[in-house]
């Protein structure tokens, strides 16, 4: 599969890019997962966004990389999403690797914190994230706080 990856700060996104990444997030998180929540939370404006396009130019995966002090005292990664027809092709692993690499490069050799859906804990373990033991429900979905420590 021919993929094109980019990482842009919110201020660098075109209105079409922002529309399309929000549309993908809503398609998966709100419609597919049947979860009503406030998708636009103000954090996008302060974040970097990774965009993966297929050969036709459609956004098929995205995630946001947040500076320290936005969601946690550490940098964080969130809104990690892959279009349904694109799943199962290891794009999610490439997406997370690129998010972690960018975070370490942009914010230094710092711990990265995520709020992961509990059923994806093994996926995030594969990328070096470990549970902090804090489990909770967010928008009716079981979540777990996890951290990545570059020194371990």
N, C-alpha and C. Protein backbone atom coordinates (compact mmCIF):
# COMPACT_ATOMS: atom_id res chain seq x y z
N UNK A 1 0.85 -1.18 0.00
CA UNK A 1 0.00 0.00 0.00
C UNK A 1 0.89 1.24 0.00
N UNK A 2 0.63 2.13 -0.91
CA UNK A 2 1.40 3.37 -1.05
C UNK A 2 0.85 4.41 -0.06
N UNK A 3 1.66 4.77 0.96
CA UNK A 3 1.22 5.69 1.99
C UNK A 3 2.09 6.94 2.01
N UNK A 4 1.48 8.04 2.35
CA UNK A 4 2.19 9.31 2.50
C UNK A 4 1.96 9.80 3.92
N UNK A 5 3.04 10.03 4.67
CA UNK A 5 2.96 10.47 6.07
C UNK A 5 3.41 11.92 6.18
N UNK A 6 2.71 12.67 7.02
CA UNK A 6 3.09 14.05 7.34
C UNK A 6 2.78 14.31 8.80
N UNK A 7 3.56 15.19 9.41
CA UNK A 7 3.24 15.69 10.75
C UNK A 7 3.22 17.21 10.65
N UNK A 8 2.11 17.78 11.07
CA UNK A 8 1.94 19.23 10.99
C UNK A 8 1.37 19.75 12.30
N UNK A 9 1.81 20.94 12.68
CA UNK A 9 1.16 21.63 13.78
C UNK A 9 -0.20 22.11 13.27
N UNK A 10 -1.13 22.27 14.18
CA UNK A 10 -2.47 22.73 13.81
C UNK A 10 -2.42 23.97 12.91
N UNK A 11 -1.51 24.89 13.22
CA UNK A 11 -1.42 26.14 12.45
C UNK A 11 -0.97 25.90 11.01
N UNK A 12 -0.42 24.72 10.72
CA UNK A 12 0.03 24.40 9.36
C UNK A 12 -1.02 23.62 8.56
N UNK A 13 -2.05 23.12 9.23
CA UNK A 13 -3.08 22.34 8.54
C UNK A 13 -3.94 23.23 7.66
N UNK A 14 -4.31 22.71 6.50
CA UNK A 14 -5.30 23.42 5.69
C UNK A 14 -6.68 23.14 6.29
N UNK A 15 -7.65 23.94 5.92
CA UNK A 15 -9.00 23.70 6.43
C UNK A 15 -9.51 22.34 5.95
N UNK A 16 -9.15 21.95 4.75
CA UNK A 16 -9.57 20.64 4.22
C UNK A 16 -8.93 19.51 5.03
N UNK A 17 -7.64 19.63 5.35
CA UNK A 17 -6.98 18.60 6.14
C UNK A 17 -7.62 18.47 7.52
N UNK A 18 -7.88 19.60 8.16
CA UNK A 18 -8.48 19.54 9.49
C UNK A 18 -9.89 18.94 9.40
N UNK A 19 -10.65 19.35 8.41
CA UNK A 19 -11.99 18.79 8.21
C UNK A 19 -11.90 17.27 8.05
N UNK A 20 -10.99 16.81 7.19
CA UNK A 20 -10.91 15.38 6.89
C UNK A 20 -10.42 14.55 8.08
N UNK A 21 -9.50 15.09 8.88
CA UNK A 21 -9.05 14.30 10.04
C UNK A 21 -10.13 14.29 11.13
N UNK A 22 -10.85 15.38 11.29
CA UNK A 22 -11.97 15.39 12.25
C UNK A 22 -13.08 14.45 11.76
N UNK A 23 -13.34 14.45 10.46
CA UNK A 23 -14.36 13.55 9.90
C UNK A 23 -14.01 12.10 10.17
N UNK A 24 -12.73 11.73 10.01
CA UNK A 24 -12.30 10.35 10.29
C UNK A 24 -12.46 10.03 11.77
N UNK A 25 -12.06 10.94 12.64
CA UNK A 25 -12.20 10.70 14.08
C UNK A 25 -13.67 10.53 14.47
N UNK A 26 -14.54 11.36 13.95
CA UNK A 26 -15.96 11.24 14.26
C UNK A 26 -16.52 9.94 13.70
N UNK A 27 -16.12 9.59 12.48
CA UNK A 27 -16.59 8.34 11.85
C UNK A 27 -16.28 7.14 12.74
N UNK A 28 -15.08 7.11 13.31
CA UNK A 28 -14.67 5.95 14.11
C UNK A 28 -15.12 6.09 15.56
N UNK A 29 -14.75 7.18 16.22
CA UNK A 29 -15.00 7.31 17.66
C UNK A 29 -16.47 7.55 18.01
N UNK A 30 -17.17 8.32 17.21
CA UNK A 30 -18.56 8.66 17.54
C UNK A 30 -19.53 7.67 16.89
N UNK A 31 -19.41 7.47 15.57
CA UNK A 31 -20.37 6.65 14.84
C UNK A 31 -20.08 5.16 15.03
N UNK A 32 -18.88 4.71 14.63
CA UNK A 32 -18.56 3.28 14.69
C UNK A 32 -18.59 2.75 16.13
N UNK A 33 -18.03 3.51 17.07
CA UNK A 33 -17.99 3.05 18.46
C UNK A 33 -19.24 3.47 19.23
N UNK A 34 -20.17 4.14 18.55
CA UNK A 34 -21.43 4.56 19.15
C UNK A 34 -21.20 5.27 20.48
N UNK A 35 -20.35 6.28 20.44
CA UNK A 35 -19.95 6.99 21.65
C UNK A 35 -20.16 8.49 21.44
N UNK A 36 -21.10 9.03 22.18
CA UNK A 36 -21.37 10.46 22.08
C UNK A 36 -20.45 11.22 23.04
N UNK A 37 -19.60 12.06 22.49
CA UNK A 37 -18.70 12.86 23.32
C UNK A 37 -18.30 14.13 22.57
N UNK A 38 -17.66 15.05 23.26
CA UNK A 38 -17.25 16.33 22.68
C UNK A 38 -15.93 16.13 21.93
N UNK A 39 -15.99 15.89 20.64
CA UNK A 39 -14.79 15.64 19.84
C UNK A 39 -13.88 16.86 19.78
N UNK A 40 -14.45 18.01 19.54
CA UNK A 40 -13.64 19.23 19.48
C UNK A 40 -13.48 19.76 20.90
N UNK A 41 -12.28 19.55 21.46
CA UNK A 41 -12.04 19.88 22.87
C UNK A 41 -11.07 21.05 23.07
N UNK A 42 -10.68 21.70 21.98
CA UNK A 42 -9.76 22.83 22.08
C UNK A 42 -8.29 22.44 22.07
N UNK A 43 -8.00 21.16 22.27
CA UNK A 43 -6.60 20.70 22.34
C UNK A 43 -5.95 20.59 20.96
N UNK A 44 -6.76 20.43 19.92
CA UNK A 44 -6.21 20.31 18.56
C UNK A 44 -5.39 21.55 18.18
N UNK A 45 -5.84 22.72 18.61
CA UNK A 45 -5.17 23.96 18.25
C UNK A 45 -3.76 24.07 18.82
N UNK A 46 -3.47 23.29 19.86
CA UNK A 46 -2.16 23.35 20.52
C UNK A 46 -1.29 22.15 20.16
N UNK A 47 -1.76 21.31 19.26
CA UNK A 47 -1.14 20.01 19.02
C UNK A 47 -0.55 19.88 17.62
N UNK A 48 0.26 18.83 17.49
CA UNK A 48 0.74 18.37 16.20
C UNK A 48 -0.16 17.23 15.76
N UNK A 49 -0.34 17.09 14.46
CA UNK A 49 -1.22 16.06 13.93
C UNK A 49 -0.46 15.24 12.90
N UNK A 50 -0.48 13.93 13.08
CA UNK A 50 0.12 13.04 12.10
C UNK A 50 -0.98 12.62 11.15
N UNK A 51 -0.67 12.67 9.87
CA UNK A 51 -1.65 12.37 8.84
C UNK A 51 -1.06 11.30 7.93
N UNK A 52 -1.82 10.25 7.70
CA UNK A 52 -1.44 9.20 6.76
C UNK A 52 -2.46 9.18 5.63
N UNK A 53 -1.97 9.36 4.41
CA UNK A 53 -2.84 9.34 3.23
C UNK A 53 -2.55 8.10 2.40
N UNK A 54 -3.60 7.56 1.81
CA UNK A 54 -3.42 6.45 0.87
C UNK A 54 -3.02 7.00 -0.50
N UNK A 55 -2.88 6.13 -1.47
CA UNK A 55 -2.46 6.53 -2.81
C UNK A 55 -3.42 7.48 -3.50
N UNK A 56 -4.67 7.52 -3.05
CA UNK A 56 -5.67 8.43 -3.63
C UNK A 56 -5.68 9.79 -2.93
N UNK A 57 -4.90 9.91 -1.86
CA UNK A 57 -4.85 11.17 -1.13
C UNK A 57 -5.82 11.27 0.03
N UNK A 58 -6.57 10.19 0.29
CA UNK A 58 -7.53 10.18 1.40
C UNK A 58 -6.80 9.94 2.73
N UNK A 59 -7.21 10.64 3.78
CA UNK A 59 -6.64 10.41 5.10
C UNK A 59 -7.21 9.09 5.63
N UNK A 60 -6.30 8.14 5.92
CA UNK A 60 -6.73 6.82 6.39
C UNK A 60 -6.29 6.55 7.83
N UNK A 61 -5.44 7.42 8.36
CA UNK A 61 -5.02 7.29 9.76
C UNK A 61 -4.55 8.65 10.25
N UNK A 62 -4.74 8.87 11.55
CA UNK A 62 -4.29 10.13 12.14
C UNK A 62 -4.13 9.94 13.64
N UNK A 63 -3.43 10.86 14.23
CA UNK A 63 -3.26 10.92 15.67
C UNK A 63 -2.80 12.32 16.02
N UNK A 64 -2.94 12.67 17.28
CA UNK A 64 -2.44 13.99 17.68
C UNK A 64 -1.40 13.84 18.77
N UNK A 65 -0.41 14.69 18.69
CA UNK A 65 0.72 14.68 19.61
C UNK A 65 0.66 16.00 20.38
N UNK A 66 0.45 15.87 21.68
CA UNK A 66 0.21 17.05 22.51
C UNK A 66 1.46 17.42 23.31
N UNK A 67 1.79 18.70 23.34
CA UNK A 67 2.92 19.15 24.16
C UNK A 67 2.64 18.94 25.65
N UNK A 68 3.67 18.98 26.47
CA UNK A 68 3.46 18.89 27.92
C UNK A 68 2.53 20.00 28.39
N UNK A 69 1.71 19.67 29.40
CA UNK A 69 0.84 20.68 29.99
C UNK A 69 -0.53 20.81 29.35
N UNK A 70 -0.80 20.05 28.30
CA UNK A 70 -2.11 20.12 27.65
C UNK A 70 -3.07 19.10 28.27
N UNK A 71 -2.74 17.82 28.17
CA UNK A 71 -3.54 16.76 28.80
C UNK A 71 -2.88 16.25 30.07
N UNK A 72 -1.56 16.21 30.06
CA UNK A 72 -0.75 15.72 31.18
C UNK A 72 0.44 16.66 31.35
N UNK A 73 1.18 16.48 32.43
CA UNK A 73 2.39 17.28 32.61
C UNK A 73 3.46 16.87 31.61
N UNK A 74 3.33 15.68 31.06
CA UNK A 74 4.26 15.16 30.05
C UNK A 74 3.66 15.34 28.67
N UNK A 75 4.46 15.16 27.62
CA UNK A 75 3.87 15.08 26.28
C UNK A 75 2.89 13.90 26.24
N UNK A 76 1.94 13.94 25.34
CA UNK A 76 1.00 12.83 25.23
C UNK A 76 0.59 12.62 23.78
N UNK A 77 0.01 11.47 23.55
CA UNK A 77 -0.48 11.10 22.23
C UNK A 77 -1.93 10.70 22.40
N UNK A 78 -2.77 11.14 21.49
CA UNK A 78 -4.18 10.80 21.58
C UNK A 78 -4.87 10.82 20.24
N UNK A 79 -6.16 10.50 20.26
CA UNK A 79 -6.99 10.49 19.06
C UNK A 79 -6.33 9.66 17.95
N UNK A 80 -5.76 8.53 18.35
CA UNK A 80 -5.12 7.61 17.40
C UNK A 80 -6.22 6.82 16.71
N UNK A 81 -6.30 6.93 15.39
CA UNK A 81 -7.41 6.32 14.67
C UNK A 81 -6.98 5.86 13.28
N UNK A 82 -7.51 4.71 12.89
CA UNK A 82 -7.26 4.15 11.57
C UNK A 82 -8.61 3.85 10.93
N UNK A 83 -8.77 4.25 9.70
CA UNK A 83 -10.00 4.00 8.96
C UNK A 83 -10.26 2.50 8.90
N UNK A 84 -11.50 2.11 9.07
CA UNK A 84 -11.88 0.69 9.20
C UNK A 84 -11.32 -0.19 8.08
N UNK A 85 -11.45 0.24 6.83
CA UNK A 85 -10.99 -0.58 5.70
C UNK A 85 -9.46 -0.66 5.61
N UNK A 86 -8.77 0.13 6.40
CA UNK A 86 -7.32 0.18 6.35
C UNK A 86 -6.69 -0.61 7.50
N UNK A 87 -7.49 -1.02 8.46
CA UNK A 87 -6.97 -1.75 9.62
C UNK A 87 -6.45 -3.13 9.22
N UNK A 88 -5.56 -3.68 10.05
CA UNK A 88 -5.03 -5.01 9.82
C UNK A 88 -3.88 -5.05 8.83
N UNK A 89 -3.33 -3.89 8.51
CA UNK A 89 -2.22 -3.80 7.54
C UNK A 89 -0.98 -3.20 8.17
N UNK A 90 -0.91 -3.24 9.51
CA UNK A 90 0.22 -2.72 10.30
C UNK A 90 0.41 -1.21 10.23
N UNK A 91 -0.57 -0.50 9.70
CA UNK A 91 -0.48 0.96 9.64
C UNK A 91 -0.53 1.54 11.05
N UNK A 92 -1.31 0.92 11.93
CA UNK A 92 -1.39 1.39 13.31
C UNK A 92 -0.05 1.34 14.01
N UNK A 93 0.73 0.29 13.75
CA UNK A 93 2.05 0.19 14.36
C UNK A 93 2.99 1.27 13.83
N UNK A 94 2.91 1.52 12.53
CA UNK A 94 3.73 2.57 11.95
C UNK A 94 3.30 3.94 12.49
N UNK A 95 2.00 4.13 12.63
CA UNK A 95 1.46 5.38 13.17
C UNK A 95 1.99 5.64 14.57
N UNK A 96 1.92 4.65 15.46
CA UNK A 96 2.41 4.85 16.83
C UNK A 96 3.91 5.07 16.88
N UNK A 97 4.65 4.33 16.08
CA UNK A 97 6.11 4.52 16.05
C UNK A 97 6.46 5.94 15.64
N UNK A 98 5.77 6.45 14.64
CA UNK A 98 6.03 7.81 14.17
C UNK A 98 5.63 8.84 15.24
N UNK A 99 4.53 8.61 15.93
CA UNK A 99 4.09 9.52 17.00
C UNK A 99 5.12 9.56 18.13
N UNK A 100 5.58 8.40 18.57
CA UNK A 100 6.57 8.33 19.66
C UNK A 100 7.86 9.00 19.22
N UNK A 101 8.36 8.67 18.03
CA UNK A 101 9.61 9.26 17.53
C UNK A 101 9.52 10.78 17.46
N UNK A 102 8.40 11.28 16.95
CA UNK A 102 8.23 12.73 16.84
C UNK A 102 8.18 13.38 18.22
N UNK A 103 7.45 12.77 19.14
CA UNK A 103 7.34 13.33 20.49
C UNK A 103 8.71 13.43 21.15
N UNK A 104 9.50 12.38 21.03
CA UNK A 104 10.84 12.39 21.64
C UNK A 104 11.72 13.44 20.98
N UNK A 105 11.62 13.59 19.68
CA UNK A 105 12.41 14.57 18.95
C UNK A 105 11.98 16.00 19.29
N UNK A 106 10.67 16.23 19.33
CA UNK A 106 10.14 17.59 19.54
C UNK A 106 10.22 18.04 20.99
N UNK A 107 9.95 17.13 21.93
CA UNK A 107 9.83 17.52 23.33
C UNK A 107 10.96 17.00 24.21
N UNK A 108 11.91 16.31 23.60
CA UNK A 108 13.04 15.79 24.37
C UNK A 108 12.76 14.39 24.89
N UNK A 109 13.75 13.85 25.53
CA UNK A 109 13.72 12.48 26.02
C UNK A 109 12.84 12.40 27.26
N UNK A 110 11.54 12.62 27.08
CA UNK A 110 10.60 12.72 28.19
C UNK A 110 9.64 11.55 28.17
N UNK A 111 9.05 11.28 29.31
CA UNK A 111 7.99 10.28 29.40
C UNK A 111 6.81 10.76 28.56
N UNK A 112 6.12 9.83 27.90
CA UNK A 112 4.93 10.13 27.11
C UNK A 112 3.76 9.43 27.80
N UNK A 113 2.66 10.15 28.00
CA UNK A 113 1.49 9.59 28.66
C UNK A 113 0.34 9.48 27.67
N UNK A 114 -0.42 8.39 27.79
CA UNK A 114 -1.61 8.23 26.95
C UNK A 114 -2.78 7.76 27.80
N UNK A 115 -3.96 8.04 27.30
CA UNK A 115 -5.19 7.49 27.85
C UNK A 115 -5.70 6.51 26.81
N UNK A 116 -5.49 5.22 27.06
CA UNK A 116 -5.78 4.19 26.06
C UNK A 116 -7.09 3.47 26.35
N UNK A 117 -7.81 3.14 25.31
CA UNK A 117 -8.95 2.26 25.51
C UNK A 117 -8.39 0.93 26.01
N UNK A 118 -9.00 0.41 27.06
CA UNK A 118 -8.50 -0.78 27.75
C UNK A 118 -8.27 -1.96 26.80
N UNK A 119 -9.15 -2.15 25.84
CA UNK A 119 -9.00 -3.30 24.93
C UNK A 119 -7.78 -3.17 24.01
N UNK A 120 -7.15 -2.00 23.97
CA UNK A 120 -5.96 -1.79 23.14
C UNK A 120 -4.66 -1.80 23.95
N UNK A 121 -4.74 -2.24 25.21
CA UNK A 121 -3.56 -2.23 26.08
C UNK A 121 -2.40 -3.01 25.48
N UNK A 122 -2.64 -4.19 24.91
CA UNK A 122 -1.55 -4.99 24.32
C UNK A 122 -0.93 -4.29 23.12
N UNK A 123 -1.74 -3.63 22.33
CA UNK A 123 -1.24 -2.85 21.18
C UNK A 123 -0.25 -1.80 21.67
N UNK A 124 -0.62 -1.07 22.71
CA UNK A 124 0.28 -0.03 23.23
C UNK A 124 1.48 -0.64 23.96
N UNK A 125 1.31 -1.79 24.60
CA UNK A 125 2.45 -2.51 25.20
C UNK A 125 3.50 -2.80 24.13
N UNK A 126 3.04 -3.17 22.95
CA UNK A 126 3.94 -3.48 21.83
C UNK A 126 4.84 -2.29 21.49
N UNK A 127 4.37 -1.09 21.81
CA UNK A 127 5.12 0.13 21.51
C UNK A 127 5.84 0.68 22.74
N UNK A 128 5.94 -0.13 23.79
CA UNK A 128 6.71 0.26 24.97
C UNK A 128 5.93 0.98 26.05
N UNK A 129 4.61 1.10 25.89
CA UNK A 129 3.79 1.75 26.90
C UNK A 129 3.44 0.75 27.99
N UNK A 130 3.49 1.20 29.24
CA UNK A 130 3.18 0.36 30.39
C UNK A 130 2.05 1.02 31.19
N UNK A 131 1.18 0.18 31.74
CA UNK A 131 0.07 0.67 32.54
C UNK A 131 0.58 1.34 33.81
N UNK A 132 -0.07 2.43 34.19
CA UNK A 132 0.22 3.07 35.48
C UNK A 132 -0.66 2.46 36.56
N UNK A 133 -1.59 1.59 36.16
CA UNK A 133 -2.54 0.99 37.09
C UNK A 133 -3.82 1.80 37.24
N UNK A 134 -3.85 2.97 36.66
CA UNK A 134 -5.04 3.82 36.76
C UNK A 134 -6.02 3.45 35.64
N UNK A 135 -7.13 2.82 36.03
CA UNK A 135 -8.18 2.45 35.08
C UNK A 135 -9.43 3.27 35.39
N UNK A 136 -10.16 3.64 34.35
CA UNK A 136 -11.33 4.50 34.52
C UNK A 136 -12.22 4.39 33.28
N UNK A 137 -13.42 4.89 33.40
CA UNK A 137 -14.33 4.97 32.26
C UNK A 137 -14.30 6.40 31.74
N UNK A 138 -14.12 6.52 30.45
CA UNK A 138 -14.17 7.82 29.79
C UNK A 138 -15.19 7.72 28.67
N UNK A 139 -16.19 8.54 28.73
CA UNK A 139 -17.27 8.52 27.73
C UNK A 139 -17.89 7.13 27.61
N UNK A 140 -17.98 6.42 28.75
CA UNK A 140 -18.62 5.11 28.78
C UNK A 140 -17.75 3.96 28.30
N UNK A 141 -16.47 4.22 28.01
CA UNK A 141 -15.56 3.20 27.51
C UNK A 141 -14.44 3.00 28.52
N UNK A 142 -14.12 1.74 28.90
CA UNK A 142 -13.01 1.50 29.83
C UNK A 142 -11.69 1.97 29.23
N UNK A 143 -10.95 2.74 30.01
CA UNK A 143 -9.65 3.28 29.62
C UNK A 143 -8.61 2.94 30.67
N UNK A 144 -7.36 3.07 30.27
CA UNK A 144 -6.24 2.85 31.16
C UNK A 144 -5.16 3.89 30.86
N UNK A 145 -4.60 4.47 31.91
CA UNK A 145 -3.50 5.40 31.73
C UNK A 145 -2.22 4.60 31.54
N UNK A 146 -1.44 4.99 30.52
CA UNK A 146 -0.20 4.29 30.23
C UNK A 146 0.91 5.30 29.98
N UNK A 147 2.15 4.89 30.25
CA UNK A 147 3.29 5.77 29.99
C UNK A 147 4.38 5.02 29.22
N UNK A 148 5.11 5.79 28.46
CA UNK A 148 6.27 5.32 27.72
C UNK A 148 7.47 6.04 28.31
N UNK A 149 8.46 5.30 28.73
CA UNK A 149 9.68 5.90 29.27
C UNK A 149 10.83 5.56 28.34
N UNK A 150 11.41 6.54 27.68
CA UNK A 150 12.47 6.28 26.72
C UNK A 150 13.74 5.70 27.35
N UNK A 151 13.89 5.82 28.65
CA UNK A 151 15.10 5.34 29.32
C UNK A 151 14.97 3.92 29.84
N UNK A 152 13.83 3.27 29.57
CA UNK A 152 13.63 1.91 30.07
C UNK A 152 13.49 0.92 28.94
